[in-house]
Amino acid sequence: MEFKKRKLLMNALNVIAVGLMIWQLMRWSWVTFWISLAFVAAAIAANRALWRCPHCGEHLGMGAEETCPKCGRRLDGGQ
């Protein structure tokens, strides 16, 4: 999967998880609690599995914008 698609998927999961958590705070329900918990778990799993450098395979951590903090190569495919 391309890096841009992985980043988009992770951002979408994070937005959905946060939205469901806010909804959960406004209207308590066991159903929304378990659904929001499932999306939080999916967002964490996606982060661990997908948020890796396409070149060296190391986890990018927080704040990786354009280059890998480990190998220094561009994340969008350039040198």
PDB file of N, CA and C in Angstrom:
ATOM      1  N   MET A   1       0.853  -1.181   0.000  1.00  0.00           N
ATOM      2  CA  MET A   1       0.000   0.000   0.000  1.00  0.00           C
ATOM      3  C   MET A   1       0.894   1.237   0.000  1.00  0.00           C
ATOM      4  N   GLU A   2       0.547   2.219  -0.800  1.00  0.00           N
ATOM      5  CA  GLU A   2       1.312   3.463  -0.872  1.00  0.00           C
ATOM      6  C   GLU A   2       1.284   4.196   0.463  1.00  0.00           C
ATOM      7  N   PHE A   3       2.338   4.971   0.706  1.00  0.00           N
ATOM      8  CA  PHE A   3       2.441   5.700   1.957  1.00  0.00           C
ATOM      9  C   PHE A   3       1.286   6.689   2.125  1.00  0.00           C
ATOM     10  N   LYS A   4       0.912   7.377   1.045  1.00  0.00           N
ATOM     11  CA  LYS A   4      -0.180   8.356   1.139  1.00  0.00           C
ATOM     12  C   LYS A   4      -1.489   7.679   1.504  1.00  0.00           C
ATOM     13  N   LYS A   5      -1.748   6.496   0.967  1.00  0.00           N
ATOM     14  CA  LYS A   5      -2.974   5.762   1.293  1.00  0.00           C
ATOM     15  C   LYS A   5      -2.953   5.281   2.737  1.00  0.00           C
ATOM     16  N   ARG A   6      -1.783   4.840   3.194  1.00  0.00           N
ATOM     17  CA  ARG A   6      -1.674   4.414   4.596  1.00  0.00           C
ATOM     18  C   ARG A   6      -1.938   5.587   5.535  1.00  0.00           C
ATOM     19  N   LYS A   7      -1.380   6.741   5.186  1.00  0.00           N
ATOM     20  CA  LYS A   7      -1.565   7.929   6.013  1.00  0.00           C
ATOM     21  C   LYS A   7      -3.034   8.351   6.024  1.00  0.00           C
ATOM     22  N   LEU A   8      -3.692   8.308   4.877  1.00  0.00           N
ATOM     23  CA  LEU A   8      -5.106   8.654   4.785  1.00  0.00           C
ATOM     24  C   LEU A   8      -5.956   7.688   5.607  1.00  0.00           C
ATOM     25  N   LEU A   9      -5.677   6.396   5.523  1.00  0.00           N
ATOM     26  CA  LEU A   9      -6.415   5.406   6.303  1.00  0.00           C
ATOM     27  C   LEU A   9      -6.249   5.643   7.802  1.00  0.00           C
ATOM     28  N   MET A  10      -5.028   5.904   8.228  1.00  0.00           N
ATOM     29  CA  MET A  10      -4.792   6.158   9.654  1.00  0.00           C
ATOM     30  C   MET A  10      -5.492   7.419  10.117  1.00  0.00           C
ATOM     31  N   ASN A  11      -5.449   8.479   9.331  1.00  0.00           N
ATOM     32  CA  ASN A  11      -6.126   9.713   9.703  1.00  0.00           C
ATOM     33  C   ASN A  11      -7.634   9.512   9.776  1.00  0.00           C
ATOM     34  N   ALA A  12      -8.195   8.754   8.838  1.00  0.00           N
ATOM     35  CA  ALA A  12      -9.632   8.485   8.857  1.00  0.00           C
ATOM     36  C   ALA A  12     -10.027   7.698  10.106  1.00  0.00           C
ATOM     37  N   LEU A  13      -9.253   6.681  10.441  1.00  0.00           N
ATOM     38  CA  LEU A  13      -9.549   5.913  11.651  1.00  0.00           C
ATOM     39  C   LEU A  13      -9.463   6.775  12.899  1.00  0.00           C
ATOM     40  N   ASN A  14      -8.483   7.646  12.955  1.00  0.00           N
ATOM     41  CA  ASN A  14      -8.339   8.532  14.112  1.00  0.00           C
ATOM     42  C   ASN A  14      -9.507   9.496  14.230  1.00  0.00           C
ATOM     43  N   VAL A  15      -9.936  10.064  13.108  1.00  0.00           N
ATOM     44  CA  VAL A  15     -11.062  11.008  13.131  1.00  0.00           C
ATOM     45  C   VAL A  15     -12.343  10.300  13.556  1.00  0.00           C
ATOM     46  N   ILE A  16     -12.579   9.110  13.026  1.00  0.00           N
ATOM     47  CA  ILE A  16     -13.774   8.357  13.407  1.00  0.00           C
ATOM     48  C   ILE A  16     -13.735   7.999  14.885  1.00  0.00           C
ATOM     49  N   ALA A  17     -12.586   7.550  15.367  1.00  0.00           N
ATOM     50  CA  ALA A  17     -12.463   7.179  16.775  1.00  0.00           C
ATOM     51  C   ALA A  17     -12.713   8.374  17.684  1.00  0.00           C
ATOM     52  N   VAL A  18     -12.139   9.517  17.364  1.00  0.00           N
ATOM     53  CA  VAL A  18     -12.347  10.716  18.185  1.00  0.00           C
ATOM     54  C   VAL A  18     -13.802  11.164  18.128  1.00  0.00           C
ATOM     55  N   GLY A  19     -14.388  11.140  16.934  1.00  0.00           N
ATOM     56  CA  GLY A  19     -15.799  11.521  16.813  1.00  0.00           C
ATOM     57  C   GLY A  19     -16.706  10.625  17.628  1.00  0.00           C
ATOM     58  N   LEU A  20     -16.456   9.318  17.584  1.00  0.00           N
ATOM     59  CA  LEU A  20     -17.268   8.394  18.380  1.00  0.00           C
ATOM     60  C   LEU A  20     -17.055   8.590  19.875  1.00  0.00           C
ATOM     61  N   MET A  21     -15.843   8.919  20.270  1.00  0.00           N
ATOM     62  CA  MET A  21     -15.587   9.166  21.693  1.00  0.00           C
ATOM     63  C   MET A  21     -16.314  10.422  22.162  1.00  0.00           C
ATOM     64  N   ILE A  22     -16.334  11.453  21.338  1.00  0.00           N
ATOM     65  CA  ILE A  22     -17.072  12.669  21.695  1.00  0.00           C
ATOM     66  C   ILE A  22     -18.560  12.370  21.768  1.00  0.00           C
ATOM     67  N   TRP A  23     -19.066  11.625  20.796  1.00  0.00           N
ATOM     68  CA  TRP A  23     -20.475  11.216  20.814  1.00  0.00           C
ATOM     69  C   TRP A  23     -20.765  10.412  22.089  1.00  0.00           C
ATOM     70  N   GLN A  24     -19.833   9.556  22.459  1.00  0.00           N
ATOM     71  CA  GLN A  24     -19.989   8.744  23.663  1.00  0.00           C
ATOM     72  C   GLN A  24     -20.078   9.617  24.910  1.00  0.00           C
ATOM     73  N   LEU A  25     -19.313  10.670  24.958  1.00  0.00           N
ATOM     74  CA  LEU A  25     -19.366  11.572  26.116  1.00  0.00           C
ATOM     75  C   LEU A  25     -20.692  12.330  26.191  1.00  0.00           C
ATOM     76  N   MET A  26     -21.264  12.630  25.025  1.00  0.00           N
ATOM     77  CA  MET A  26     -22.517  13.380  25.005  1.00  0.00           C
ATOM     78  C   MET A  26     -23.713  12.488  25.295  1.00  0.00           C
ATOM     79  N   ARG A  27     -23.712  11.295  24.781  1.00  0.00           N
ATOM     80  CA  ARG A  27     -24.838  10.357  24.945  1.00  0.00           C
ATOM     81  C   ARG A  27     -24.294   8.990  25.321  1.00  0.00           C
ATOM     82  N   TRP A  28     -24.333   8.675  26.605  1.00  0.00           N
ATOM     83  CA  TRP A  28     -23.797   7.399  27.066  1.00  0.00           C
ATOM     84  C   TRP A  28     -24.657   6.245  26.567  1.00  0.00           C
ATOM     85  N   SER A  29     -24.000   5.263  25.988  1.00  0.00           N
ATOM     86  CA  SER A  29     -24.675   4.063  25.523  1.00  0.00           C
ATOM     87  C   SER A  29     -23.630   2.960  25.445  1.00  0.00           C
ATOM     88  N   TRP A  30     -24.010   1.758  25.844  1.00  0.00           N
ATOM     89  CA  TRP A  30     -23.068   0.647  25.760  1.00  0.00           C
ATOM     90  C   TRP A  30     -22.706   0.338  24.315  1.00  0.00           C
ATOM     91  N   VAL A  31     -23.648   0.538  23.426  1.00  0.00           N
ATOM     92  CA  VAL A  31     -23.378   0.251  22.010  1.00  0.00           C
ATOM     93  C   VAL A  31     -22.301   1.183  21.479  1.00  0.00           C
ATOM     94  N   THR A  32     -22.462   2.475  21.680  1.00  0.00           N
ATOM     95  CA  THR A  32     -21.443   3.415  21.184  1.00  0.00           C
ATOM     96  C   THR A  32     -20.133   3.267  21.946  1.00  0.00           C
ATOM     97  N   PHE A  33     -20.200   2.849  23.203  1.00  0.00           N
ATOM     98  CA  PHE A  33     -18.973   2.608  23.962  1.00  0.00           C
ATOM     99  C   PHE A  33     -18.139   1.521  23.288  1.00  0.00           C
ATOM    100  N   TRP A  34     -18.760   0.386  22.965  1.00  0.00           N
ATOM    101  CA  TRP A  34     -18.026  -0.721  22.362  1.00  0.00           C
ATOM    102  C   TRP A  34     -17.599  -0.403  20.931  1.00  0.00           C
ATOM    103  N   ILE A  35     -18.421   0.322  20.205  1.00  0.00           N
ATOM    104  CA  ILE A  35     -18.038   0.697  18.836  1.00  0.00           C
ATOM    105  C   ILE A  35     -16.857   1.663  18.866  1.00  0.00           C
ATOM    106  N   SER A  36     -16.900   2.658  19.750  1.00  0.00           N
ATOM    107  CA  SER A  36     -15.785   3.607  19.836  1.00  0.00           C
ATOM    108  C   SER A  36     -14.522   2.905  20.330  1.00  0.00           C
ATOM    109  N   LEU A  37     -14.667   1.969  21.252  1.00  0.00           N
ATOM    110  CA  LEU A  37     -13.509   1.207  21.721  1.00  0.00           C
ATOM    111  C   LEU A  37     -12.904   0.380  20.578  1.00  0.00           C
ATOM    112  N   ALA A  38     -13.753  -0.190  19.733  1.00  0.00           N
ATOM    113  CA  ALA A  38     -13.267  -0.964  18.587  1.00  0.00           C
ATOM    114  C   ALA A  38     -12.510  -0.070  17.601  1.00  0.00           C
ATOM    115  N   PHE A  39     -13.004   1.147  17.366  1.00  0.00           N
ATOM    116  CA  PHE A  39     -12.308   2.054  16.444  1.00  0.00           C
ATOM    117  C   PHE A  39     -10.995   2.548  17.045  1.00  0.00           C
ATOM    118  N   VAL A  40     -10.958   2.766  18.348  1.00  0.00           N
ATOM    119  CA  VAL A  40      -9.699   3.151  18.989  1.00  0.00           C
ATOM    120  C   VAL A  40      -8.684   2.020  18.852  1.00  0.00           C
ATOM    121  N   ALA A  41      -9.116   0.792  19.086  1.00  0.00           N
ATOM    122  CA  ALA A  41      -8.221  -0.355  18.942  1.00  0.00           C
ATOM    123  C   ALA A  41      -7.756  -0.502  17.493  1.00  0.00           C
ATOM    124  N   ALA A  42      -8.651  -0.279  16.526  1.00  0.00           N
ATOM    125  CA  ALA A  42      -8.274  -0.357  15.113  1.00  0.00           C
ATOM    126  C   ALA A  42      -7.274   0.735  14.747  1.00  0.00           C
ATOM    127  N   ALA A  43      -7.464   1.932  15.292  1.00  0.00           N
ATOM    128  CA  ALA A  43      -6.535   3.031  15.022  1.00  0.00           C
ATOM    129  C   ALA A  43      -5.151   2.727  15.599  1.00  0.00           C
ATOM    130  N   ILE A  44      -5.104   2.147  16.794  1.00  0.00           N
ATOM    131  CA  ILE A  44      -3.818   1.791  17.397  1.00  0.00           C
ATOM    132  C   ILE A  44      -3.146   0.679  16.595  1.00  0.00           C
ATOM    133  N   ALA A  45      -3.913  -0.326  16.208  1.00  0.00           N
ATOM    134  CA  ALA A  45      -3.355  -1.430  15.418  1.00  0.00           C
ATOM    135  C   ALA A  45      -2.843  -0.935  14.065  1.00  0.00           C
ATOM    136  N   ALA A  46      -3.593  -0.046  13.423  1.00  0.00           N
ATOM    137  CA  ALA A  46      -3.157   0.509  12.135  1.00  0.00           C
ATOM    138  C   ALA A  46      -1.881   1.318  12.304  1.00  0.00           C
ATOM    139  N   ASN A  47      -1.793   2.045  13.401  1.00  0.00           N
ATOM    140  CA  ASN A  47      -0.583   2.823  13.650  1.00  0.00           C
ATOM    141  C   ASN A  47       0.622   1.906  13.799  1.00  0.00           C
ATOM    142  N   ARG A  48       0.464   0.850  14.562  1.00  0.00           N
ATOM    143  CA  ARG A  48       1.590  -0.060  14.780  1.00  0.00           C
ATOM    144  C   ARG A  48       1.979  -0.797  13.493  1.00  0.00           C
ATOM    145  N   ALA A  49       0.996  -1.152  12.677  1.00  0.00           N
ATOM    146  CA  ALA A  49       1.282  -1.946  11.487  1.00  0.00           C
ATOM    147  C   ALA A  49       1.655  -1.112  10.263  1.00  0.00           C
ATOM    148  N   LEU A  50       1.049   0.053  10.098  1.00  0.00           N
ATOM    149  CA  LEU A  50       1.190   0.795   8.843  1.00  0.00           C
ATOM    150  C   LEU A  50       2.091   2.016   8.911  1.00  0.00           C
ATOM    151  N   TRP A  51       2.291   2.592  10.075  1.00  0.00           N
ATOM    152  CA  TRP A  51       3.027   3.846  10.161  1.00  0.00           C
ATOM    153  C   TRP A  51       4.525   3.552  10.199  1.00  0.00           C
ATOM    154  N   ARG A  52       5.003   3.053   9.070  1.00  0.00           N
ATOM    155  CA  ARG A  52       6.396   2.658   8.933  1.00  0.00           C
ATOM    156  C   ARG A  52       7.007   3.313   7.695  1.00  0.00           C
ATOM    157  N   CYS A  53       8.298   3.486   7.747  1.00  0.00           N
ATOM    158  CA  CYS A  53       9.024   4.048   6.607  1.00  0.00           C
ATOM    159  C   CYS A  53       8.944   3.062   5.448  1.00  0.00           C
ATOM    160  N   PRO A  54       8.605   3.541   4.236  1.00  0.00           N
ATOM    161  CA  PRO A  54       8.547   2.634   3.091  1.00  0.00           C
ATOM    162  C   PRO A  54       9.926   2.146   2.635  1.00  0.00           C
ATOM    163  N   HIS A  55      10.990   2.742   3.164  1.00  0.00           N
ATOM    164  CA  HIS A  55      12.341   2.380   2.742  1.00  0.00           C
ATOM    165  C   HIS A  55      13.030   1.445   3.732  1.00  0.00           C
ATOM    166  N   CYS A  56      13.081   1.839   5.000  1.00  0.00           N
ATOM    167  CA  CYS A  56      13.805   1.030   5.983  1.00  0.00           C
ATOM    168  C   CYS A  56      12.874   0.173   6.842  1.00  0.00           C
ATOM    169  N   GLY A  57      11.576   0.469   6.840  1.00  0.00           N
ATOM    170  CA  GLY A  57      10.618  -0.340   7.580  1.00  0.00           C
ATOM    171  C   GLY A  57      10.503  -0.013   9.059  1.00  0.00           C
ATOM    172  N   GLU A  58      11.229   0.968   9.527  1.00  0.00           N
ATOM    173  CA  GLU A  58      11.156   1.348  10.939  1.00  0.00           C
ATOM    174  C   GLU A  58       9.889   2.144  11.225  1.00  0.00           C
ATOM    175  N   HIS A  59       9.385   2.020  12.453  1.00  0.00           N
ATOM    176  CA  HIS A  59       8.204   2.786  12.861  1.00  0.00           C
ATOM    177  C   HIS A  59       8.571   4.265  12.874  1.00  0.00           C
ATOM    178  N   LEU A  60       7.675   5.106  12.389  1.00  0.00           N
ATOM    179  CA  LEU A  60       7.989   6.526  12.212  1.00  0.00           C
ATOM    180  C   LEU A  60       7.834   7.345  13.482  1.00  0.00           C
ATOM    181  N   GLY A  61       7.073   6.854  14.446  1.00  0.00           N
ATOM    182  CA  GLY A  61       6.878   7.622  15.662  1.00  0.00           C
ATOM    183  C   GLY A  61       5.978   8.812  15.416  1.00  0.00           C
ATOM    184  N   MET A  62       6.058   9.788  16.284  1.00  0.00           N
ATOM    185  CA  MET A  62       5.209  10.972  16.154  1.00  0.00           C
ATOM    186  C   MET A  62       5.959  12.082  15.441  1.00  0.00           C
ATOM    187  N   GLY A  63       5.231  12.847  14.660  1.00  0.00           N
ATOM    188  CA  GLY A  63       5.799  14.039  14.056  1.00  0.00           C
ATOM    189  C   GLY A  63       6.578  13.816  12.776  1.00  0.00           C
ATOM    190  N   ALA A  64       6.529  12.623  12.213  1.00  0.00           N
ATOM    191  CA  ALA A  64       7.229  12.391  10.949  1.00  0.00           C
ATOM    192  C   ALA A  64       6.459  13.097   9.841  1.00  0.00           C
ATOM    193  N   GLU A  65       7.057  14.095   9.253  1.00  0.00           N
ATOM    194  CA  GLU A  65       6.377  14.902   8.238  1.00  0.00           C
ATOM    195  C   GLU A  65       6.773  14.496   6.824  1.00  0.00           C
ATOM    196  N   GLU A  66       8.030  14.740   6.473  1.00  0.00           N
ATOM    197  CA  GLU A  66       8.464  14.511   5.100  1.00  0.00           C
ATOM    198  C   GLU A  66       9.575  13.484   4.984  1.00  0.00           C
ATOM    199  N   THR A  67      10.367  13.321   6.037  1.00  0.00           N
ATOM    200  CA  THR A  67      11.485  12.385   5.981  1.00  0.00           C
ATOM    201  C   THR A  67      11.437  11.422   7.160  1.00  0.00           C
ATOM    202  N   CYS A  68      12.021  10.262   6.964  1.00  0.00           N
ATOM    203  CA  CYS A  68      12.103   9.260   8.023  1.00  0.00           C
ATOM    204  C   CYS A  68      13.135   9.713   9.051  1.00  0.00           C
ATOM    205  N   PRO A  69      12.805   9.670  10.344  1.00  0.00           N
ATOM    206  CA  PRO A  69      13.783  10.068  11.356  1.00  0.00           C
ATOM    207  C   PRO A  69      14.939   9.069  11.481  1.00  0.00           C
ATOM    208  N   LYS A  70      14.781   7.860  10.969  1.00  0.00           N
ATOM    209  CA  LYS A  70      15.827   6.834  11.084  1.00  0.00           C
ATOM    210  C   LYS A  70      16.796   6.876   9.911  1.00  0.00           C
ATOM    211  N   CYS A  71      16.270   6.778   8.678  1.00  0.00           N
ATOM    212  CA  CYS A  71      17.152   6.708   7.506  1.00  0.00           C
ATOM    213  C   CYS A  71      17.284   8.045   6.784  1.00  0.00           C
ATOM    214  N   GLY A  72      16.382   8.994   7.024  1.00  0.00           N
ATOM    215  CA  GLY A  72      16.475  10.320   6.429  1.00  0.00           C
ATOM    216  C   GLY A  72      15.922  10.440   5.017  1.00  0.00           C
ATOM    217  N   ARG A  73      15.366   9.361   4.473  1.00  0.00           N
ATOM    218  CA  ARG A  73      14.821   9.422   3.112  1.00  0.00           C
ATOM    219  C   ARG A  73      13.421  10.004   3.132  1.00  0.00           C
ATOM    220  N   ARG A  74      13.026  10.570   1.993  1.00  0.00           N
ATOM    221  CA  ARG A  74      11.698  11.175   1.862  1.00  0.00           C
ATOM    222  C   ARG A  74      10.628  10.085   1.926  1.00  0.00           C
ATOM    223  N   LEU A  75       9.529  10.379   2.623  1.00  0.00           N
ATOM    224  CA  LEU A  75       8.476   9.404   2.797  1.00  0.00           C
ATOM    225  C   LEU A  75       7.560   9.289   1.579  1.00  0.00           C
ATOM    226  N   ASP A  76       7.536  10.311   0.746  1.00  0.00           N
ATOM    227  CA  ASP A  76       6.640  10.287  -0.421  1.00  0.00           C
ATOM    228  C   ASP A  76       7.249   9.568  -1.609  1.00  0.00           C
ATOM    229  N   GLY A  77       8.383   8.945  -1.449  1.00  0.00           N
ATOM    230  CA  GLY A  77       8.978   8.167  -2.531  1.00  0.00           C
ATOM    231  C   GLY A  77      10.205   8.795  -3.162  1.00  0.00           C
ATOM    232  N   GLY A  78      10.466  10.049  -2.878  1.00  0.00           N
ATOM    233  CA  GLY A  78      11.637  10.710  -3.452  1.00  0.00           C
ATOM    234  C   GLY A  78      12.896  10.342  -2.691  1.00  0.00           C
ATOM    235  N   GLN A  79      14.003  10.901  -3.118  1.00  0.00           N
ATOM    236  CA  GLN A  79      15.284  10.627  -2.447  1.00  0.00           C
ATOM    237  C   GLN A  79      15.442  11.583  -1.351  1.00  0.00           C
TER     238      GLN A  79
END
